Structures are given as C-alpha cells and as structure tokens.
Amino acid sequence: MTEESAQTLMPQVVEWNLVNEDGVMKLRKSWTVKTFTKGLEFFRIVGVLAENEGHHPDLHLVGWNNVVIEIWTHAIGGLTENDFILAAKIDKLNLNELLRRKPSN
C-alpha cells in the first residue's frame, strides 16, 4: 500500500498515527494504563481479538504504564487494508477501565 492510499484510510482510525519506520509503514497508537498489571490485561484483551482475527500486532509495554501498539503486515513489510480493520476493531474494545484518566480542566 502506498502512503497516499494509507492516508485515505486514516480517517477510519483517527487516533492512530501513520509512521514510516525504515521504509516500513505502520499504524501506531499509545495509551497510558493505570498500573503495570492493567497493561498486561490490556494486552490480553487485544491479544484475544488479534488471535481471533489471525492478525498479530506488535505490543509494547514501555515503562510500567505506557502501552504502544504497532500494526503492519509483516509478510509484505507494510500496510494492508486488514491493518486498518484491526486498528478499528481495537478502538471498539472496552478498555476504559484499564486506562488512566486525563485530568479535567
């Protein structure tokens, strides 16, 4: 998929970032979870979805409470429409109880 094609699909996954890492386009999104164990639970929930979809994103727990997911199709070394579908499905998961709330203004 070209970067131009990917840009046309980005409105479907508005909170995700399109990144180019050493020539490989990926979707990336970060969350802050309440605790280390909430991060592991976050990955368990995403992992069940990924396994059911047969499409496995890169999952990163950075520090003790920062969760990062990168989605790309390893077999082709870039993005496919299925990557956007998985990102949209991840966005629909009920993960709010695991996330740290942003302070209200």
PDB file of N, CA and C in Angstrom:
ATOM      1  N   MET A   1       0.848  -1.170   0.000  1.00  0.00           N
ATOM      2  CA  MET A   1       0.000   0.000   0.000  1.00  0.00           C
ATOM      3  C   MET A   1       0.897   1.237   0.000  1.00  0.00           C
ATOM      4  N   THR A   2       0.544   2.190  -0.831  1.00  0.00           N
ATOM      5  CA  THR A   2       1.306   3.435  -0.871  1.00  0.00           C
ATOM      6  C   THR A   2       0.928   4.324   0.313  1.00  0.00           C
ATOM      7  N   GLU A   3       1.771   5.288   0.601  1.00  0.00           N
ATOM      8  CA  GLU A   3       1.460   6.219   1.683  1.00  0.00           C
ATOM      9  C   GLU A   3       0.197   7.010   1.358  1.00  0.00           C
ATOM     10  N   GLU A   4       0.019   7.338   0.097  1.00  0.00           N
ATOM     11  CA  GLU A   4      -1.183   8.062  -0.327  1.00  0.00           C
ATOM     12  C   GLU A   4      -2.436   7.229  -0.068  1.00  0.00           C
ATOM     13  N   SER A   5      -2.385   5.949  -0.390  1.00  0.00           N
ATOM     14  CA  SER A   5      -3.524   5.059  -0.120  1.00  0.00           C
ATOM     15  C   SER A   5      -3.794   4.947   1.371  1.00  0.00           C
ATOM     16  N   ALA A   6      -2.720   4.852   2.139  1.00  0.00           N
ATOM     17  CA  ALA A   6      -2.872   4.770   3.595  1.00  0.00           C
ATOM     18  C   ALA A   6      -3.515   6.043   4.139  1.00  0.00           C
ATOM     19  N   GLN A   7      -3.113   7.179   3.630  1.00  0.00           N
ATOM     20  CA  GLN A   7      -3.676   8.454   4.097  1.00  0.00           C
ATOM     21  C   GLN A   7      -5.185   8.516   3.848  1.00  0.00           C
ATOM     22  N   THR A   8      -5.656   7.899   2.782  1.00  0.00           N
ATOM     23  CA  THR A   8      -7.100   7.937   2.510  1.00  0.00           C
ATOM     24  C   THR A   8      -7.874   7.095   3.515  1.00  0.00           C
ATOM     25  N   LEU A   9      -7.216   6.113   4.148  1.00  0.00           N
ATOM     26  CA  LEU A   9      -7.880   5.265   5.143  1.00  0.00           C
ATOM     27  C   LEU A   9      -7.743   5.801   6.577  1.00  0.00           C
ATOM     28  N   MET A  10      -6.847   6.746   6.798  1.00  0.00           N
ATOM     29  CA  MET A  10      -6.600   7.261   8.148  1.00  0.00           C
ATOM     30  C   MET A  10      -7.836   7.843   8.832  1.00  0.00           C
ATOM     31  N   PRO A  11      -8.791   8.461   8.118  1.00  0.00           N
ATOM     32  CA  PRO A  11      -9.985   8.961   8.804  1.00  0.00           C
ATOM     33  C   PRO A  11     -10.794   7.856   9.510  1.00  0.00           C
ATOM     34  N   GLN A  12     -10.594   6.607   9.127  1.00  0.00           N
ATOM     35  CA  GLN A  12     -11.296   5.496   9.780  1.00  0.00           C
ATOM     36  C   GLN A  12     -10.671   5.140  11.125  1.00  0.00           C
ATOM     37  N   VAL A  13      -9.433   5.585  11.350  1.00  0.00           N
ATOM     38  CA  VAL A  13      -8.716   5.280  12.597  1.00  0.00           C
ATOM     39  C   VAL A  13      -8.036   6.569  13.090  1.00  0.00           C
ATOM     40  N   VAL A  14      -8.850   7.561  13.404  1.00  0.00           N
ATOM     41  CA  VAL A  14      -8.361   8.924  13.634  1.00  0.00           C
ATOM     42  C   VAL A  14      -7.362   9.059  14.787  1.00  0.00           C
ATOM     43  N   GLU A  15      -7.417   8.191  15.774  1.00  0.00           N
ATOM     44  CA  GLU A  15      -6.498   8.322  16.910  1.00  0.00           C
ATOM     45  C   GLU A  15      -5.179   7.577  16.700  1.00  0.00           C
ATOM     46  N   TRP A  16      -5.047   6.914  15.573  1.00  0.00           N
ATOM     47  CA  TRP A  16      -3.816   6.201  15.241  1.00  0.00           C
ATOM     48  C   TRP A  16      -2.909   7.120  14.436  1.00  0.00           C
ATOM     49  N   ASN A  17      -1.609   6.853  14.497  1.00  0.00           N
ATOM     50  CA  ASN A  17      -0.630   7.613  13.724  1.00  0.00           C
ATOM     51  C   ASN A  17      -0.075   6.725  12.624  1.00  0.00           C
ATOM     52  N   LEU A  18       0.123   7.311  11.469  1.00  0.00           N
ATOM     53  CA  LEU A  18       0.781   6.631  10.368  1.00  0.00           C
ATOM     54  C   LEU A  18       2.264   6.958  10.478  1.00  0.00           C
ATOM     55  N   VAL A  19       3.086   5.935  10.631  1.00  0.00           N
ATOM     56  CA  VAL A  19       4.525   6.151  10.776  1.00  0.00           C
ATOM     57  C   VAL A  19       5.267   5.372   9.700  1.00  0.00           C
ATOM     58  N   ASN A  20       6.400   5.913   9.311  1.00  0.00           N
ATOM     59  CA  ASN A  20       7.279   5.248   8.363  1.00  0.00           C
ATOM     60  C   ASN A  20       8.574   4.977   9.105  1.00  0.00           C
ATOM     61  N   GLU A  21       8.825   3.710   9.378  1.00  0.00           N
ATOM     62  CA  GLU A  21       9.995   3.319  10.154  1.00  0.00           C
ATOM     63  C   GLU A  21      10.926   2.515   9.257  1.00  0.00           C
ATOM     64  N   ASP A  22      12.010   3.141   8.845  1.00  0.00           N
ATOM     65  CA  ASP A  22      12.977   2.497   7.949  1.00  0.00           C
ATOM     66  C   ASP A  22      12.312   1.965   6.682  1.00  0.00           C
ATOM     67  N   GLY A  23      11.398   2.754   6.131  1.00  0.00           N
ATOM     68  CA  GLY A  23      10.733   2.380   4.893  1.00  0.00           C
ATOM     69  C   GLY A  23       9.526   1.474   5.064  1.00  0.00           C
ATOM     70  N   VAL A  24       9.182   1.130   6.305  1.00  0.00           N
ATOM     71  CA  VAL A  24       8.019   0.276   6.581  1.00  0.00           C
ATOM     72  C   VAL A  24       6.919   1.135   7.199  1.00  0.00           C
ATOM     73  N   MET A  25       5.795   1.220   6.512  1.00  0.00           N
ATOM     74  CA  MET A  25       4.670   1.984   7.052  1.00  0.00           C
ATOM     75  C   MET A  25       3.928   1.140   8.067  1.00  0.00           C
ATOM     76  N   LYS A  26       3.562   1.794   9.187  1.00  0.00           N
ATOM     77  CA  LYS A  26       2.869   1.126  10.288  1.00  0.00           C
ATOM     78  C   LYS A  26       1.814   2.068  10.852  1.00  0.00           C
ATOM     79  N   LEU A  27       0.828   1.472  11.511  1.00  0.00           N
ATOM     80  CA  LEU A  27      -0.107   2.232  12.335  1.00  0.00           C
ATOM     81  C   LEU A  27       0.375   2.116  13.769  1.00  0.00           C
ATOM     82  N   ARG A  28       0.389   3.228  14.488  1.00  0.00           N
ATOM     83  CA  ARG A  28       0.861   3.218  15.879  1.00  0.00           C
ATOM     84  C   ARG A  28      -0.084   4.040  16.743  1.00  0.00           C
ATOM     85  N   LYS A  29      -0.359   3.495  17.920  1.00  0.00           N
ATOM     86  CA  LYS A  29      -1.188   4.212  18.890  1.00  0.00           C
ATOM     87  C   LYS A  29      -0.655   3.911  20.283  1.00  0.00           C
ATOM     88  N   SER A  30      -0.743   4.913  21.158  1.00  0.00           N
ATOM     89  CA  SER A  30      -0.263   4.784  22.538  1.00  0.00           C
ATOM     90  C   SER A  30      -1.393   5.066  23.514  1.00  0.00           C
ATOM     91  N   TRP A  31      -1.339   4.389  24.646  1.00  0.00           N
ATOM     92  CA  TRP A  31      -2.272   4.597  25.744  1.00  0.00           C
ATOM     93  C   TRP A  31      -1.471   4.636  27.039  1.00  0.00           C
ATOM     94  N   THR A  32      -2.040   5.244  28.064  1.00  0.00           N
ATOM     95  CA  THR A  32      -1.475   5.182  29.410  1.00  0.00           C
ATOM     96  C   THR A  32      -2.448   4.406  30.272  1.00  0.00           C
ATOM     97  N   VAL A  33      -1.949   3.334  30.878  1.00  0.00           N
ATOM     98  CA  VAL A  33      -2.789   2.489  31.723  1.00  0.00           C
ATOM     99  C   VAL A  33      -2.554   2.832  33.191  1.00  0.00           C
ATOM    100  N   LYS A  34      -3.478   2.381  34.041  1.00  0.00           N
ATOM    101  CA  LYS A  34      -3.413   2.717  35.472  1.00  0.00           C
ATOM    102  C   LYS A  34      -2.228   2.073  36.175  1.00  0.00           C
ATOM    103  N   THR A  35      -1.952   0.826  35.866  1.00  0.00           N
ATOM    104  CA  THR A  35      -0.895   0.090  36.558  1.00  0.00           C
ATOM    105  C   THR A  35      -0.231  -0.875  35.576  1.00  0.00           C
ATOM    106  N   PHE A  36       0.879  -1.437  35.994  1.00  0.00           N
ATOM    107  CA  PHE A  36       1.578  -2.433  35.194  1.00  0.00           C
ATOM    108  C   PHE A  36       0.659  -3.613  34.872  1.00  0.00           C
ATOM    109  N   THR A  37      -0.064  -4.103  35.887  1.00  0.00           N
ATOM    110  CA  THR A  37      -0.932  -5.257  35.647  1.00  0.00           C
ATOM    111  C   THR A  37      -2.114  -4.901  34.743  1.00  0.00           C
ATOM    112  N   LYS A  38      -2.561  -3.649  34.777  1.00  0.00           N
ATOM    113  CA  LYS A  38      -3.610  -3.216  33.848  1.00  0.00           C
ATOM    114  C   LYS A  38      -3.062  -3.235  32.418  1.00  0.00           C
ATOM    115  N   GLY A  39      -1.785  -2.927  32.247  1.00  0.00           N
ATOM    116  CA  GLY A  39      -1.152  -3.012  30.932  1.00  0.00           C
ATOM    117  C   GLY A  39      -1.144  -4.439  30.413  1.00  0.00           C
ATOM    118  N   LEU A  40      -0.851  -5.388  31.292  1.00  0.00           N
ATOM    119  CA  LEU A  40      -0.870  -6.792  30.895  1.00  0.00           C
ATOM    120  C   LEU A  40      -2.284  -7.246  30.538  1.00  0.00           C
ATOM    121  N   GLU A  41      -3.273  -6.778  31.288  1.00  0.00           N
ATOM    122  CA  GLU A  41      -4.672  -7.097  30.986  1.00  0.00           C
ATOM    123  C   GLU A  41      -5.078  -6.483  29.646  1.00  0.00           C
ATOM    124  N   PHE A  42      -4.635  -5.265  29.393  1.00  0.00           N
ATOM    125  CA  PHE A  42      -4.872  -4.591  28.115  1.00  0.00           C
ATOM    126  C   PHE A  42      -4.375  -5.485  26.975  1.00  0.00           C
ATOM    127  N   PHE A  43      -3.158  -5.996  27.117  1.00  0.00           N
ATOM    128  CA  PHE A  43      -2.588  -6.859  26.083  1.00  0.00           C
ATOM    129  C   PHE A  43      -3.354  -8.172  25.955  1.00  0.00           C
ATOM    130  N   ARG A  44      -3.851  -8.696  27.060  1.00  0.00           N
ATOM    131  CA  ARG A  44      -4.623  -9.939  26.996  1.00  0.00           C
ATOM    132  C   ARG A  44      -5.879  -9.738  26.157  1.00  0.00           C
ATOM    133  N   ILE A  45      -6.572  -8.623  26.404  1.00  0.00           N
ATOM    134  CA  ILE A  45      -7.806  -8.328  25.665  1.00  0.00           C
ATOM    135  C   ILE A  45      -7.512  -8.114  24.182  1.00  0.00           C
ATOM    136  N   VAL A  46      -6.487  -7.329  23.883  1.00  0.00           N
ATOM    137  CA  VAL A  46      -6.108  -7.098  22.484  1.00  0.00           C
ATOM    138  C   VAL A  46      -5.628  -8.405  21.855  1.00  0.00           C
ATOM    139  N   GLY A  47      -4.904  -9.213  22.628  1.00  0.00           N
ATOM    140  CA  GLY A  47      -4.391 -10.482  22.119  1.00  0.00           C
ATOM    141  C   GLY A  47      -5.493 -11.446  21.716  1.00  0.00           C
ATOM    142  N   VAL A  48      -6.576 -11.491  22.478  1.00  0.00           N
ATOM    143  CA  VAL A  48      -7.711 -12.359  22.131  1.00  0.00           C
ATOM    144  C   VAL A  48      -8.295 -11.923  20.787  1.00  0.00           C
ATOM    145  N   LEU A  49      -8.500 -10.616  20.618  1.00  0.00           N
ATOM    146  CA  LEU A  49      -9.003 -10.098  19.348  1.00  0.00           C
ATOM    147  C   LEU A  49      -8.040 -10.442  18.212  1.00  0.00           C
ATOM    148  N   ALA A  50      -6.761 -10.185  18.421  1.00  0.00           N
ATOM    149  CA  ALA A  50      -5.761 -10.431  17.379  1.00  0.00           C
ATOM    150  C   ALA A  50      -5.738 -11.907  16.984  1.00  0.00           C
ATOM    151  N   GLU A  51      -5.811 -12.779  17.962  1.00  0.00           N
ATOM    152  CA  GLU A  51      -5.808 -14.216  17.678  1.00  0.00           C
ATOM    153  C   GLU A  51      -7.048 -14.616  16.883  1.00  0.00           C
ATOM    154  N   ASN A  52      -8.189 -14.068  17.264  1.00  0.00           N
ATOM    155  CA  ASN A  52      -9.431 -14.351  16.532  1.00  0.00           C
ATOM    156  C   ASN A  52      -9.376 -13.844  15.095  1.00  0.00           C
ATOM    157  N   GLU A  53      -8.677 -12.733  14.898  1.00  0.00           N
ATOM    158  CA  GLU A  53      -8.551 -12.137  13.562  1.00  0.00           C
ATOM    159  C   GLU A  53      -7.435 -12.807  12.751  1.00  0.00           C
ATOM    160  N   GLY A  54      -6.553 -13.542  13.422  1.00  0.00           N
ATOM    161  CA  GLY A  54      -5.404 -14.127  12.737  1.00  0.00           C
ATOM    162  C   GLY A  54      -4.423 -13.065  12.268  1.00  0.00           C
ATOM    163  N   HIS A  55      -4.387 -11.956  12.997  1.00  0.00           N
ATOM    164  CA  HIS A  55      -3.537 -10.815  12.619  1.00  0.00           C
ATOM    165  C   HIS A  55      -2.928 -10.264  13.895  1.00  0.00           C
ATOM    166  N   HIS A  56      -1.627 -10.332  14.029  1.00  0.00           N
ATOM    167  CA  HIS A  56      -0.971 -10.094  15.306  1.00  0.00           C
ATOM    168  C   HIS A  56      -0.119  -8.826  15.289  1.00  0.00           C
ATOM    169  N   PRO A  57      -0.544  -7.809  16.033  1.00  0.00           N
ATOM    170  CA  PRO A  57       0.215  -6.552  16.086  1.00  0.00           C
ATOM    171  C   PRO A  57       1.414  -6.688  17.017  1.00  0.00           C
ATOM    172  N   ASP A  58       2.310  -5.721  16.907  1.00  0.00           N
ATOM    173  CA  ASP A  58       3.425  -5.628  17.849  1.00  0.00           C
ATOM    174  C   ASP A  58       2.914  -4.891  19.086  1.00  0.00           C
ATOM    175  N   LEU A  59       3.097  -5.498  20.250  1.00  0.00           N
ATOM    176  CA  LEU A  59       2.618  -4.936  21.514  1.00  0.00           C
ATOM    177  C   LEU A  59       3.822  -4.549  22.361  1.00  0.00           C
ATOM    178  N   HIS A  60       3.820  -3.325  22.884  1.00  0.00           N
ATOM    179  CA  HIS A  60       4.944  -2.835  23.681  1.00  0.00           C
ATOM    180  C   HIS A  60       4.426  -2.255  24.999  1.00  0.00           C
ATOM    181  N   LEU A  61       4.996  -2.688  26.096  1.00  0.00           N
ATOM    182  CA  LEU A  61       4.737  -2.079  27.396  1.00  0.00           C
ATOM    183  C   LEU A  61       6.018  -1.328  27.752  1.00  0.00           C
ATOM    184  N   VAL A  62       5.936  -0.010  27.700  1.00  0.00           N
ATOM    185  CA  VAL A  62       7.104   0.847  27.877  1.00  0.00           C
ATOM    186  C   VAL A  62       7.007   1.496  29.251  1.00  0.00           C
ATOM    187  N   GLY A  63       8.078   1.362  30.038  1.00  0.00           N
ATOM    188  CA  GLY A  63       7.987   1.808  31.417  1.00  0.00           C
ATOM    189  C   GLY A  63       7.020   0.874  32.123  1.00  0.00           C
ATOM    190  N   TRP A  64       6.302   1.368  33.060  1.00  0.00           N
ATOM    191  CA  TRP A  64       5.371   0.498  33.787  1.00  0.00           C
ATOM    192  C   TRP A  64       3.924   0.716  33.385  1.00  0.00           C
ATOM    193  N   ASN A  65       3.642   1.806  32.630  1.00  0.00           N
ATOM    194  CA  ASN A  65       2.231   2.071  32.340  1.00  0.00           C
ATOM    195  C   ASN A  65       1.955   2.676  30.963  1.00  0.00           C
ATOM    196  N   ASN A  66       2.886   2.555  30.054  1.00  0.00           N
ATOM    197  CA  ASN A  66       2.673   3.081  28.706  1.00  0.00           C
ATOM    198  C   ASN A  66       2.570   1.927  27.718  1.00  0.00           C
ATOM    199  N   VAL A  67       1.431   1.841  27.069  1.00  0.00           N
ATOM    200  CA  VAL A  67       1.135   0.775  26.127  1.00  0.00           C
ATOM    201  C   VAL A  67       1.214   1.354  24.722  1.00  0.00           C
ATOM    202  N   VAL A  68       1.921   0.654  23.842  1.00  0.00           N
ATOM    203  CA  VAL A  68       2.035   1.064  22.445  1.00  0.00           C
ATOM    204  C   VAL A  68       1.722  -0.150  21.576  1.00  0.00           C
ATOM    205  N   ILE A  69       0.882   0.071  20.574  1.00  0.00           N
ATOM    206  CA  ILE A  69       0.590  -0.980  19.601  1.00  0.00           C
ATOM    207  C   ILE A  69       1.009  -0.479  18.225  1.00  0.00           C
ATOM    208  N   GLU A  70       1.727  -1.341  17.516  1.00  0.00           N
ATOM    209  CA  GLU A  70       2.077  -1.084  16.118  1.00  0.00           C
ATOM    210  C   GLU A  70       1.453  -2.186  15.276  1.00  0.00           C
ATOM    211  N   ILE A  71       0.763  -1.764  14.221  1.00  0.00           N
ATOM    212  CA  ILE A  71       0.114  -2.721  13.328  1.00  0.00           C
ATOM    213  C   ILE A  71       0.688  -2.541  11.930  1.00  0.00           C
ATOM    214  N   TRP A  72       1.101  -3.651  11.361  1.00  0.00           N
ATOM    215  CA  TRP A  72       1.554  -3.703   9.978  1.00  0.00           C
ATOM    216  C   TRP A  72       1.583  -5.168   9.579  1.00  0.00           C
ATOM    217  N   THR A  73       1.557  -5.421   8.294  1.00  0.00           N
ATOM    218  CA  THR A  73       1.560  -6.795   7.819  1.00  0.00           C
ATOM    219  C   THR A  73       2.997  -7.223   7.577  1.00  0.00           C
ATOM    220  N   HIS A  74       3.493  -8.041   8.468  1.00  0.00           N
ATOM    221  CA  HIS A  74       4.892  -8.461   8.429  1.00  0.00           C
ATOM    222  C   HIS A  74       5.236  -9.161   7.113  1.00  0.00           C
ATOM    223  N   ALA A  75       4.306  -9.963   6.592  1.00  0.00           N
ATOM    224  CA  ALA A  75       4.566 -10.760   5.392  1.00  0.00           C
ATOM    225  C   ALA A  75       4.896  -9.907   4.173  1.00  0.00           C
ATOM    226  N   ILE A  76       4.336  -8.690   4.116  1.00  0.00           N
ATOM    227  CA  ILE A  76       4.619  -7.824   2.966  1.00  0.00           C
ATOM    228  C   ILE A  76       5.499  -6.636   3.347  1.00  0.00           C
ATOM    229  N   GLY A  77       5.797  -6.498   4.634  1.00  0.00           N
ATOM    230  CA  GLY A  77       6.645  -5.395   5.073  1.00  0.00           C
ATOM    231  C   GLY A  77       5.987  -4.039   4.942  1.00  0.00           C
ATOM    232  N   GLY A  78       4.694  -3.970   5.226  1.00  0.00           N
ATOM    233  CA  GLY A  78       3.980  -2.699   5.145  1.00  0.00           C
ATOM    234  C   GLY A  78       2.519  -2.867   5.505  1.00  0.00           C
ATOM    235  N   LEU A  79       1.728  -1.893   5.098  1.00  0.00           N
ATOM    236  CA  LEU A  79       0.318  -1.856   5.470  1.00  0.00           C
ATOM    237  C   LEU A  79      -0.583  -2.491   4.419  1.00  0.00           C
ATOM    238  N   THR A  80      -1.667  -3.084   4.918  1.00  0.00           N
ATOM    239  CA  THR A  80      -2.757  -3.561   4.079  1.00  0.00           C
ATOM    240  C   THR A  80      -4.061  -3.055   4.686  1.00  0.00           C
ATOM    241  N   GLU A  81      -5.147  -3.236   3.974  1.00  0.00           N
ATOM    242  CA  GLU A  81      -6.451  -2.823   4.490  1.00  0.00           C
ATOM    243  C   GLU A  81      -6.773  -3.552   5.794  1.00  0.00           C
ATOM    244  N   ASN A  82      -6.323  -4.803   5.925  1.00  0.00           N
ATOM    245  CA  ASN A  82      -6.573  -5.565   7.152  1.00  0.00           C
ATOM    246  C   ASN A  82      -5.968  -4.897   8.387  1.00  0.00           C
ATOM    247  N   ASP A  83      -4.883  -4.176   8.221  1.00  0.00           N
ATOM    248  CA  ASP A  83      -4.281  -3.461   9.349  1.00  0.00           C
ATOM    249  C   ASP A  83      -5.218  -2.375   9.858  1.00  0.00           C
ATOM    250  N   PHE A  84      -5.866  -1.680   8.951  1.00  0.00           N
ATOM    251  CA  PHE A  84      -6.820  -0.642   9.332  1.00  0.00           C
ATOM    252  C   PHE A  84      -8.058  -1.255   9.987  1.00  0.00           C
ATOM    253  N   ILE A  85      -8.477  -2.401   9.491  1.00  0.00           N
ATOM    254  CA  ILE A  85      -9.630  -3.094  10.083  1.00  0.00           C
ATOM    255  C   ILE A  85      -9.314  -3.495  11.520  1.00  0.00           C
ATOM    256  N   LEU A  86      -8.119  -4.062  11.744  1.00  0.00           N
ATOM    257  CA  LEU A  86      -7.735  -4.448  13.106  1.00  0.00           C
ATOM    258  C   LEU A  86      -7.655  -3.229  14.023  1.00  0.00           C
ATOM    259  N   ALA A  87      -7.080  -2.136  13.544  1.00  0.00           N
ATOM    260  CA  ALA A  87      -6.999  -0.916  14.356  1.00  0.00           C
ATOM    261  C   ALA A  87      -8.397  -0.433  14.753  1.00  0.00           C
ATOM    262  N   ALA A  88      -9.314  -0.444  13.813  1.00  0.00           N
ATOM    263  CA  ALA A  88     -10.693  -0.012  14.105  1.00  0.00           C
ATOM    264  C   ALA A  88     -11.344  -0.939  15.130  1.00  0.00           C
ATOM    265  N   LYS A  89     -11.085  -2.228  15.030  1.00  0.00           N
ATOM    266  CA  LYS A  89     -11.652  -3.173  15.993  1.00  0.00           C
ATOM    267  C   LYS A  89     -11.034  -2.987  17.379  1.00  0.00           C
ATOM    268  N   ILE A  90      -9.753  -2.683  17.435  1.00  0.00           N
ATOM    269  CA  ILE A  90      -9.114  -2.400  18.730  1.00  0.00           C
ATOM    270  C   ILE A  90      -9.757  -1.175  19.360  1.00  0.00           C
ATOM    271  N   ASP A  91     -10.037  -0.165  18.544  1.00  0.00           N
ATOM    272  CA  ASP A  91     -10.684   1.053  19.060  1.00  0.00           C
ATOM    273  C   ASP A  91     -12.057   0.775  19.656  1.00  0.00           C
ATOM    274  N   LYS A  92     -12.728  -0.270  19.206  1.00  0.00           N
ATOM    275  CA  LYS A  92     -14.070  -0.587  19.701  1.00  0.00           C
ATOM    276  C   LYS A  92     -14.050  -1.437  20.973  1.00  0.00           C
ATOM    277  N   LEU A  93     -12.873  -1.934  21.365  1.00  0.00           N
ATOM    278  CA  LEU A  93     -12.785  -2.724  22.590  1.00  0.00           C
ATOM    279  C   LEU A  93     -13.073  -1.855  23.808  1.00  0.00           C
ATOM    280  N   ASN A  94     -13.679  -2.426  24.824  1.00  0.00           N
ATOM    281  CA  ASN A  94     -13.947  -1.697  26.058  1.00  0.00           C
ATOM    282  C   ASN A  94     -12.723  -1.788  26.968  1.00  0.00           C
ATOM    283  N   LEU A  95     -11.840  -0.819  26.838  1.00  0.00           N
ATOM    284  CA  LEU A  95     -10.589  -0.803  27.594  1.00  0.00           C
ATOM    285  C   LEU A  95     -10.537   0.335  28.613  1.00  0.00           C
ATOM    286  N   ASN A  96     -11.598   1.119  28.697  1.00  0.00           N
ATOM    287  CA  ASN A  96     -11.582   2.332  29.517  1.00  0.00           C
ATOM    288  C   ASN A  96     -11.230   2.089  30.980  1.00  0.00           C
ATOM    289  N   GLU A  97     -11.686   0.987  31.570  1.00  0.00           N
ATOM    290  CA  GLU A  97     -11.408   0.745  32.983  1.00  0.00           C
ATOM    291  C   GLU A  97      -9.916   0.482  33.258  1.00  0.00           C
ATOM    292  N   LEU A  98      -9.168   0.202  32.203  1.00  0.00           N
ATOM    293  CA  LEU A  98      -7.734  -0.053  32.353  1.00  0.00           C
ATOM    294  C   LEU A  98      -6.892   1.212  32.189  1.00  0.00           C
ATOM    295  N   LEU A  99      -7.504   2.240  31.611  1.00  0.00           N
ATOM    296  CA  LEU A  99      -6.767   3.447  31.244  1.00  0.00           C
ATOM    297  C   LEU A  99      -6.739   4.491  32.347  1.00  0.00           C
ATOM    298  N   ARG A 100      -5.642   5.194  32.397  1.00  0.00           N
ATOM    299  CA  ARG A 100      -5.518   6.323  33.308  1.00  0.00           C
ATOM    300  C   ARG A 100      -6.336   7.466  32.737  1.00  0.00           C
ATOM    301  N   ARG A 101      -7.106   8.098  33.544  1.00  0.00           N
ATOM    302  CA  ARG A 101      -7.945   9.228  33.087  1.00  0.00           C
ATOM    303  C   ARG A 101      -7.108  10.489  32.978  1.00  0.00           C
ATOM    304  N   LYS A 102      -7.407  11.252  31.938  1.00  0.00           N
ATOM    305  CA  LYS A 102      -6.756  12.541  31.800  1.00  0.00           C
ATOM    306  C   LYS A 102      -7.396  13.509  32.773  1.00  0.00           C
ATOM    307  N   PRO A 103      -6.595  14.364  33.409  1.00  0.00           N
ATOM    308  CA  PRO A 103      -7.196  15.327  34.348  1.00  0.00           C
ATOM    309  C   PRO A 103      -8.135  16.277  33.610  1.00  0.00           C
ATOM    310  N   SER A 104      -9.265  16.576  34.219  1.00  0.00           N
ATOM    311  CA  SER A 104     -10.201  17.503  33.597  1.00  0.00           C
ATOM    312  C   SER A 104      -9.764  18.935  33.881  1.00  0.00           C
ATOM    313  N   ASN A 105     -10.057  19.804  32.940  1.00  0.00           N
ATOM    314  CA  ASN A 105      -9.656  21.214  33.072  1.00  0.00           C
ATOM    315  C   ASN A 105     -10.674  22.010  33.815  1.00  0.00           C
TER     316      ASN A 105
END
